[in-house]
Amino acid sequence: MDFGAPRRKHRMSLTPMIDVVFLLLVFFMLASQFGTPAQVSLSLGGGASSGYTGPARLIRVGDEALQLNGAARNEGDILAALPGLMDGPEDMIILRADEEVPMQRVIEVMEWLGAEGYSNLVLVE
C-alpha cells in the first residue's frame, strides 16, 4: 500500500506558548501593587503616658467642618488656637470623628497636625 510521499515533519512552534507567558506576565504586573501603602504611626493609649493636663483640646472632625472645643473653626484657626491651650507640642490632643466621616478625612487632619509638630494625638469614638 502506498500512502503517498512521506510527510515532512512539522516542528512545534513555541510562539503560542511565548505569547501566553507574556500575557501572564502583563496580567501579574498590572494586578500587583507597586510601592508600599502609606502608614500612620499610632501609639496605643494606657501606657506610661503623662496623661491629660491643661484645658480641653478636643477637635471634632466632620465631613467639611472642624470644631475645636465645640466651636466651628477652620484649619488655620485651630493651629492658631492650639498653642494657647497647651504647655508644649507634646501635650495630648483628642480627635473625634463624626459617624459618617471617612477615615481618610481623619488621617488628613492627623497629618497636618503632625506636620505642625503635634505628635500626641488620641483618636476616640
N, C-alpha and C. Protein backbone atom coordinates (compact mmCIF):
# COMPACT_ATOMS: atom_id res chain seq x y z
N MET A 1 0.80 -1.17 0.00
CA MET A 1 0.00 0.00 0.00
C MET A 1 0.86 1.25 0.00
N ASP A 2 0.51 2.14 -0.86
CA ASP A 2 1.30 3.36 -0.98
C ASP A 2 0.48 4.51 -0.40
N PHE A 3 1.03 5.12 0.57
CA PHE A 3 0.34 6.24 1.22
C PHE A 3 0.80 7.59 0.67
N GLY A 4 1.45 7.59 -0.36
CA GLY A 4 1.93 8.82 -0.96
C GLY A 4 3.32 9.17 -0.46
N ALA A 5 3.70 10.34 -0.81
CA ALA A 5 5.04 10.80 -0.42
C ALA A 5 5.10 10.99 1.08
N PRO A 6 6.24 10.67 1.67
CA PRO A 6 6.35 10.85 3.12
C PRO A 6 6.16 12.33 3.50
N ARG A 7 5.44 12.52 4.57
CA ARG A 7 5.16 13.88 5.04
C ARG A 7 6.39 14.49 5.69
N ARG A 8 6.49 15.73 5.53
CA ARG A 8 7.57 16.45 6.19
C ARG A 8 7.20 16.65 7.65
N LYS A 9 8.12 16.38 8.56
CA LYS A 9 7.81 16.55 9.99
C LYS A 9 7.71 18.03 10.32
N HIS A 10 6.63 18.38 11.03
CA HIS A 10 6.44 19.77 11.45
C HIS A 10 7.06 19.95 12.81
N ARG A 11 7.85 20.96 12.93
CA ARG A 11 8.40 21.28 14.25
C ARG A 11 7.36 22.09 15.01
N MET A 12 7.23 21.79 16.27
CA MET A 12 6.26 22.55 17.08
C MET A 12 6.74 23.98 17.22
N SER A 13 5.82 24.89 17.06
CA SER A 13 6.15 26.30 17.20
C SER A 13 5.99 26.70 18.66
N LEU A 14 6.97 27.41 19.17
CA LEU A 14 6.91 27.88 20.55
C LEU A 14 6.25 29.26 20.66
N THR A 15 5.89 29.84 19.55
CA THR A 15 5.31 31.19 19.55
C THR A 15 4.04 31.29 20.39
N PRO A 16 3.07 30.36 20.27
CA PRO A 16 1.88 30.49 21.11
C PRO A 16 2.20 30.40 22.60
N MET A 17 3.14 29.55 22.98
CA MET A 17 3.49 29.42 24.38
C MET A 17 4.16 30.70 24.89
N ILE A 18 5.01 31.30 24.07
CA ILE A 18 5.67 32.54 24.46
C ILE A 18 4.63 33.65 24.59
N ASP A 19 3.64 33.67 23.69
CA ASP A 19 2.57 34.67 23.79
C ASP A 19 1.81 34.53 25.10
N VAL A 20 1.52 33.30 25.49
CA VAL A 20 0.80 33.07 26.74
C VAL A 20 1.65 33.51 27.93
N VAL A 21 2.93 33.23 27.90
CA VAL A 21 3.81 33.64 29.01
C VAL A 21 3.83 35.17 29.12
N PHE A 22 3.93 35.87 28.00
CA PHE A 22 3.93 37.32 28.05
C PHE A 22 2.59 37.88 28.52
N LEU A 23 1.50 37.27 28.12
CA LEU A 23 0.19 37.71 28.61
C LEU A 23 0.08 37.53 30.12
N LEU A 24 0.56 36.40 30.63
CA LEU A 24 0.55 36.18 32.07
C LEU A 24 1.44 37.18 32.79
N LEU A 25 2.59 37.48 32.22
CA LEU A 25 3.49 38.46 32.81
C LEU A 25 2.83 39.83 32.90
N VAL A 26 2.18 40.25 31.82
CA VAL A 26 1.49 41.55 31.82
C VAL A 26 0.35 41.54 32.82
N PHE A 27 -0.40 40.45 32.89
CA PHE A 27 -1.51 40.36 33.84
C PHE A 27 -1.01 40.52 35.28
N PHE A 28 0.02 39.78 35.65
CA PHE A 28 0.51 39.85 37.03
C PHE A 28 1.17 41.18 37.34
N MET A 29 1.77 41.80 36.36
CA MET A 29 2.35 43.12 36.60
C MET A 29 1.24 44.15 36.86
N LEU A 30 0.16 44.08 36.10
CA LEU A 30 -0.94 45.03 36.29
C LEU A 30 -1.75 44.73 37.54
N ALA A 31 -1.81 43.47 37.94
CA ALA A 31 -2.61 43.09 39.10
C ALA A 31 -1.87 43.32 40.42
N SER A 32 -0.57 43.45 40.38
CA SER A 32 0.19 43.60 41.62
C SER A 32 0.23 45.07 42.03
N GLN A 33 0.58 45.30 43.29
CA GLN A 33 0.71 46.65 43.80
C GLN A 33 2.18 47.06 43.73
N PHE A 34 2.41 48.24 43.23
CA PHE A 34 3.76 48.77 43.20
C PHE A 34 3.89 49.79 44.32
N GLY A 35 4.92 49.68 45.08
CA GLY A 35 5.13 50.59 46.20
C GLY A 35 4.47 50.05 47.46
N THR A 36 4.68 50.75 48.54
CA THR A 36 4.10 50.34 49.81
C THR A 36 2.99 51.30 50.19
N PRO A 37 1.96 50.83 50.85
CA PRO A 37 0.89 51.73 51.27
C PRO A 37 1.40 52.68 52.36
N ALA A 38 0.81 53.85 52.39
CA ALA A 38 1.21 54.83 53.40
C ALA A 38 0.83 54.33 54.78
N GLN A 39 1.64 54.65 55.74
CA GLN A 39 1.40 54.20 57.10
C GLN A 39 1.36 55.40 58.03
N VAL A 40 0.46 55.33 58.98
CA VAL A 40 0.36 56.35 60.01
C VAL A 40 0.71 55.67 61.31
N SER A 41 1.72 56.18 61.99
CA SER A 41 2.12 55.54 63.24
C SER A 41 1.21 56.03 64.36
N LEU A 42 0.66 55.09 65.07
CA LEU A 42 -0.20 55.39 66.22
C LEU A 42 0.32 54.62 67.42
N SER A 43 0.32 55.26 68.56
CA SER A 43 0.69 54.54 69.78
C SER A 43 -0.58 54.26 70.57
N LEU A 44 -0.59 53.12 71.20
CA LEU A 44 -1.76 52.73 71.98
C LEU A 44 -1.78 53.49 73.29
N GLY A 45 -2.96 53.94 73.68
CA GLY A 45 -3.10 54.65 74.94
C GLY A 45 -3.02 53.70 76.13
N GLY A 46 -2.97 54.27 77.30
CA GLY A 46 -2.94 53.47 78.51
C GLY A 46 -1.55 53.05 78.93
N GLY A 47 -0.54 53.50 78.24
CA GLY A 47 0.83 53.14 78.59
C GLY A 47 1.36 54.07 79.65
N ALA A 48 2.62 54.36 79.53
CA ALA A 48 3.28 55.21 80.52
C ALA A 48 3.19 56.69 80.13
N SER A 49 2.08 57.09 79.55
CA SER A 49 1.94 58.49 79.15
C SER A 49 1.67 59.35 80.38
N SER A 50 1.94 60.62 80.23
CA SER A 50 1.79 61.53 81.37
C SER A 50 0.33 61.84 81.66
N GLY A 51 -0.58 61.46 80.77
CA GLY A 51 -2.00 61.73 80.99
C GLY A 51 -2.38 63.08 80.42
N TYR A 52 -3.61 63.43 80.63
CA TYR A 52 -4.15 64.66 80.07
C TYR A 52 -4.05 65.76 81.10
N THR A 53 -3.45 66.88 80.72
CA THR A 53 -3.37 68.03 81.61
C THR A 53 -3.74 69.28 80.83
N GLY A 54 -4.16 70.30 81.55
CA GLY A 54 -4.46 71.58 80.92
C GLY A 54 -5.89 71.68 80.42
N PRO A 55 -6.18 72.76 79.70
CA PRO A 55 -7.54 72.96 79.19
C PRO A 55 -7.91 71.94 78.11
N ALA A 56 -9.19 71.91 77.79
CA ALA A 56 -9.69 70.95 76.80
C ALA A 56 -9.10 71.23 75.42
N ARG A 57 -8.79 70.14 74.72
CA ARG A 57 -8.29 70.23 73.35
C ARG A 57 -8.95 69.11 72.55
N LEU A 58 -10.21 69.29 72.25
CA LEU A 58 -10.98 68.30 71.51
C LEU A 58 -11.26 68.84 70.11
N ILE A 59 -10.77 68.14 69.10
CA ILE A 59 -11.04 68.51 67.72
C ILE A 59 -12.04 67.51 67.17
N ARG A 60 -13.20 68.02 66.81
CA ARG A 60 -14.24 67.17 66.20
C ARG A 60 -14.13 67.30 64.69
N VAL A 61 -13.98 66.15 64.03
CA VAL A 61 -13.75 66.12 62.59
C VAL A 61 -15.06 65.76 61.90
N GLY A 62 -15.55 66.67 61.06
CA GLY A 62 -16.72 66.42 60.25
C GLY A 62 -16.32 66.28 58.79
N ASP A 63 -17.30 65.99 57.94
CA ASP A 63 -17.01 65.85 56.50
C ASP A 63 -16.38 67.13 55.95
N GLU A 64 -16.97 68.25 56.27
CA GLU A 64 -16.49 69.53 55.76
C GLU A 64 -15.96 70.42 56.87
N ALA A 65 -16.62 70.40 58.03
CA ALA A 65 -16.30 71.34 59.09
C ALA A 65 -15.44 70.69 60.18
N LEU A 66 -14.71 71.54 60.87
CA LEU A 66 -13.93 71.13 62.03
C LEU A 66 -14.41 71.96 63.22
N GLN A 67 -14.32 71.38 64.41
CA GLN A 67 -14.66 72.11 65.62
C GLN A 67 -13.54 71.93 66.63
N LEU A 68 -13.20 73.00 67.31
CA LEU A 68 -12.25 72.94 68.41
C LEU A 68 -13.01 73.29 69.67
N ASN A 69 -13.12 72.34 70.57
CA ASN A 69 -13.86 72.50 71.83
C ASN A 69 -15.29 73.01 71.59
N GLY A 70 -15.94 72.50 70.55
CA GLY A 70 -17.34 72.81 70.28
C GLY A 70 -17.57 74.00 69.39
N ALA A 71 -16.53 74.79 69.10
CA ALA A 71 -16.69 75.97 68.24
C ALA A 71 -16.18 75.65 66.84
N ALA A 72 -16.99 75.97 65.83
CA ALA A 72 -16.60 75.71 64.45
C ALA A 72 -15.40 76.56 64.08
N ARG A 73 -14.37 75.90 63.54
CA ARG A 73 -13.15 76.60 63.15
C ARG A 73 -12.59 75.96 61.89
N ASN A 74 -11.74 76.70 61.20
CA ASN A 74 -11.04 76.11 60.06
C ASN A 74 -9.64 75.68 60.52
N GLU A 75 -8.90 75.10 59.60
CA GLU A 75 -7.58 74.56 59.95
C GLU A 75 -6.65 75.64 60.51
N GLY A 76 -6.62 76.79 59.88
CA GLY A 76 -5.75 77.87 60.34
C GLY A 76 -6.11 78.37 61.73
N ASP A 77 -7.42 78.49 62.01
CA ASP A 77 -7.85 78.94 63.33
C ASP A 77 -7.47 77.94 64.41
N ILE A 78 -7.61 76.65 64.08
CA ILE A 78 -7.25 75.61 65.06
C ILE A 78 -5.76 75.67 65.36
N LEU A 79 -4.93 75.78 64.31
CA LEU A 79 -3.49 75.83 64.52
C LEU A 79 -3.09 77.07 65.29
N ALA A 80 -3.82 78.18 65.12
CA ALA A 80 -3.52 79.40 65.87
C ALA A 80 -3.96 79.30 67.33
N ALA A 81 -5.04 78.56 67.59
CA ALA A 81 -5.58 78.47 68.95
C ALA A 81 -4.88 77.41 69.81
N LEU A 82 -4.35 76.38 69.20
CA LEU A 82 -3.76 75.28 69.98
C LEU A 82 -2.60 75.69 70.89
N PRO A 83 -1.67 76.53 70.47
CA PRO A 83 -0.57 76.86 71.39
C PRO A 83 -1.04 77.51 72.69
N GLY A 84 -2.13 78.26 72.66
CA GLY A 84 -2.65 78.87 73.88
C GLY A 84 -3.31 77.87 74.82
N LEU A 85 -3.66 76.70 74.30
CA LEU A 85 -4.30 75.67 75.12
C LEU A 85 -3.32 74.61 75.62
N MET A 86 -2.06 74.73 75.23
CA MET A 86 -1.10 73.67 75.52
C MET A 86 0.16 74.23 76.16
N ASP A 87 0.81 73.39 76.97
CA ASP A 87 2.11 73.76 77.53
C ASP A 87 3.21 73.56 76.49
N GLY A 88 3.03 72.55 75.64
CA GLY A 88 4.01 72.25 74.59
C GLY A 88 3.39 71.34 73.55
N PRO A 89 4.09 71.13 72.44
CA PRO A 89 3.52 70.31 71.36
C PRO A 89 3.37 68.84 71.71
N GLU A 90 3.97 68.41 72.81
CA GLU A 90 3.84 67.00 73.22
C GLU A 90 2.57 66.75 74.05
N ASP A 91 1.82 67.81 74.38
CA ASP A 91 0.55 67.63 75.11
C ASP A 91 -0.45 66.90 74.23
N MET A 92 -1.38 66.23 74.89
CA MET A 92 -2.36 65.39 74.21
C MET A 92 -3.44 66.22 73.53
N ILE A 93 -3.76 65.84 72.29
CA ILE A 93 -4.89 66.42 71.56
C ILE A 93 -5.84 65.27 71.24
N ILE A 94 -7.11 65.46 71.55
CA ILE A 94 -8.11 64.41 71.33
C ILE A 94 -8.86 64.71 70.04
N LEU A 95 -8.94 63.70 69.18
CA LEU A 95 -9.66 63.80 67.92
C LEU A 95 -10.90 62.92 67.98
N ARG A 96 -12.02 63.44 67.55
CA ARG A 96 -13.25 62.65 67.49
C ARG A 96 -13.90 62.88 66.14
N ALA A 97 -14.12 61.80 65.42
CA ALA A 97 -14.72 61.89 64.09
C ALA A 97 -16.22 61.68 64.18
N ASP A 98 -16.97 62.45 63.38
CA ASP A 98 -18.40 62.20 63.27
C ASP A 98 -18.62 60.81 62.68
N GLU A 99 -19.83 60.30 62.84
CA GLU A 99 -20.11 58.91 62.49
C GLU A 99 -19.90 58.59 61.01
N GLU A 100 -20.27 59.48 60.12
CA GLU A 100 -20.20 59.19 58.68
C GLU A 100 -18.93 59.72 58.01
N VAL A 101 -17.99 60.19 58.81
CA VAL A 101 -16.76 60.76 58.24
C VAL A 101 -15.84 59.63 57.79
N PRO A 102 -15.33 59.69 56.55
CA PRO A 102 -14.40 58.65 56.11
C PRO A 102 -13.07 58.75 56.87
N MET A 103 -12.43 57.62 57.04
CA MET A 103 -11.17 57.58 57.78
C MET A 103 -10.10 58.44 57.10
N GLN A 104 -10.15 58.57 55.80
CA GLN A 104 -9.17 59.39 55.09
C GLN A 104 -9.20 60.83 55.57
N ARG A 105 -10.38 61.34 55.87
CA ARG A 105 -10.51 62.72 56.37
C ARG A 105 -9.82 62.85 57.73
N VAL A 106 -10.00 61.86 58.60
CA VAL A 106 -9.36 61.89 59.92
C VAL A 106 -7.84 61.84 59.76
N ILE A 107 -7.37 61.01 58.84
CA ILE A 107 -5.93 60.90 58.62
C ILE A 107 -5.36 62.20 58.08
N GLU A 108 -6.11 62.90 57.23
CA GLU A 108 -5.65 64.20 56.73
C GLU A 108 -5.47 65.19 57.88
N VAL A 109 -6.43 65.20 58.81
CA VAL A 109 -6.33 66.10 59.97
C VAL A 109 -5.12 65.71 60.82
N MET A 110 -4.92 64.41 61.03
CA MET A 110 -3.77 63.95 61.80
C MET A 110 -2.46 64.33 61.12
N GLU A 111 -2.44 64.28 59.80
CA GLU A 111 -1.21 64.61 59.07
C GLU A 111 -0.86 66.09 59.20
N TRP A 112 -1.86 66.99 59.06
CA TRP A 112 -1.49 68.40 59.17
C TRP A 112 -1.20 68.80 60.61
N LEU A 113 -1.79 68.12 61.58
CA LEU A 113 -1.39 68.37 62.96
C LEU A 113 0.03 67.87 63.20
N GLY A 114 0.34 66.70 62.66
CA GLY A 114 1.70 66.15 62.80
C GLY A 114 2.73 67.02 62.10
N ALA A 115 2.37 67.61 60.96
CA ALA A 115 3.29 68.49 60.25
C ALA A 115 3.60 69.75 61.05
N GLU A 116 2.69 70.15 61.93
CA GLU A 116 2.90 71.32 62.79
C GLU A 116 3.63 70.95 64.08
N GLY A 117 3.95 69.67 64.26
CA GLY A 117 4.72 69.24 65.43
C GLY A 117 3.91 68.63 66.55
N TYR A 118 2.60 68.48 66.36
CA TYR A 118 1.76 67.88 67.39
C TYR A 118 1.76 66.37 67.17
N SER A 119 2.39 65.64 68.08
CA SER A 119 2.58 64.21 67.87
C SER A 119 1.74 63.34 68.81
N ASN A 120 1.22 63.91 69.87
CA ASN A 120 0.47 63.13 70.85
C ASN A 120 -1.03 63.26 70.54
N LEU A 121 -1.49 62.51 69.54
CA LEU A 121 -2.88 62.56 69.11
C LEU A 121 -3.61 61.32 69.57
N VAL A 122 -4.80 61.50 70.10
CA VAL A 122 -5.62 60.38 70.58
C VAL A 122 -6.92 60.41 69.82
N LEU A 123 -7.27 59.26 69.23
CA LEU A 123 -8.50 59.15 68.46
C LEU A 123 -9.53 58.42 69.31
N VAL A 124 -10.69 59.04 69.52
CA VAL A 124 -11.76 58.43 70.33
C VAL A 124 -13.00 58.27 69.47
N GLU A 125 -13.89 57.40 69.92
CA GLU A 125 -15.15 57.19 69.22
C GLU A 125 -16.16 58.22 69.63
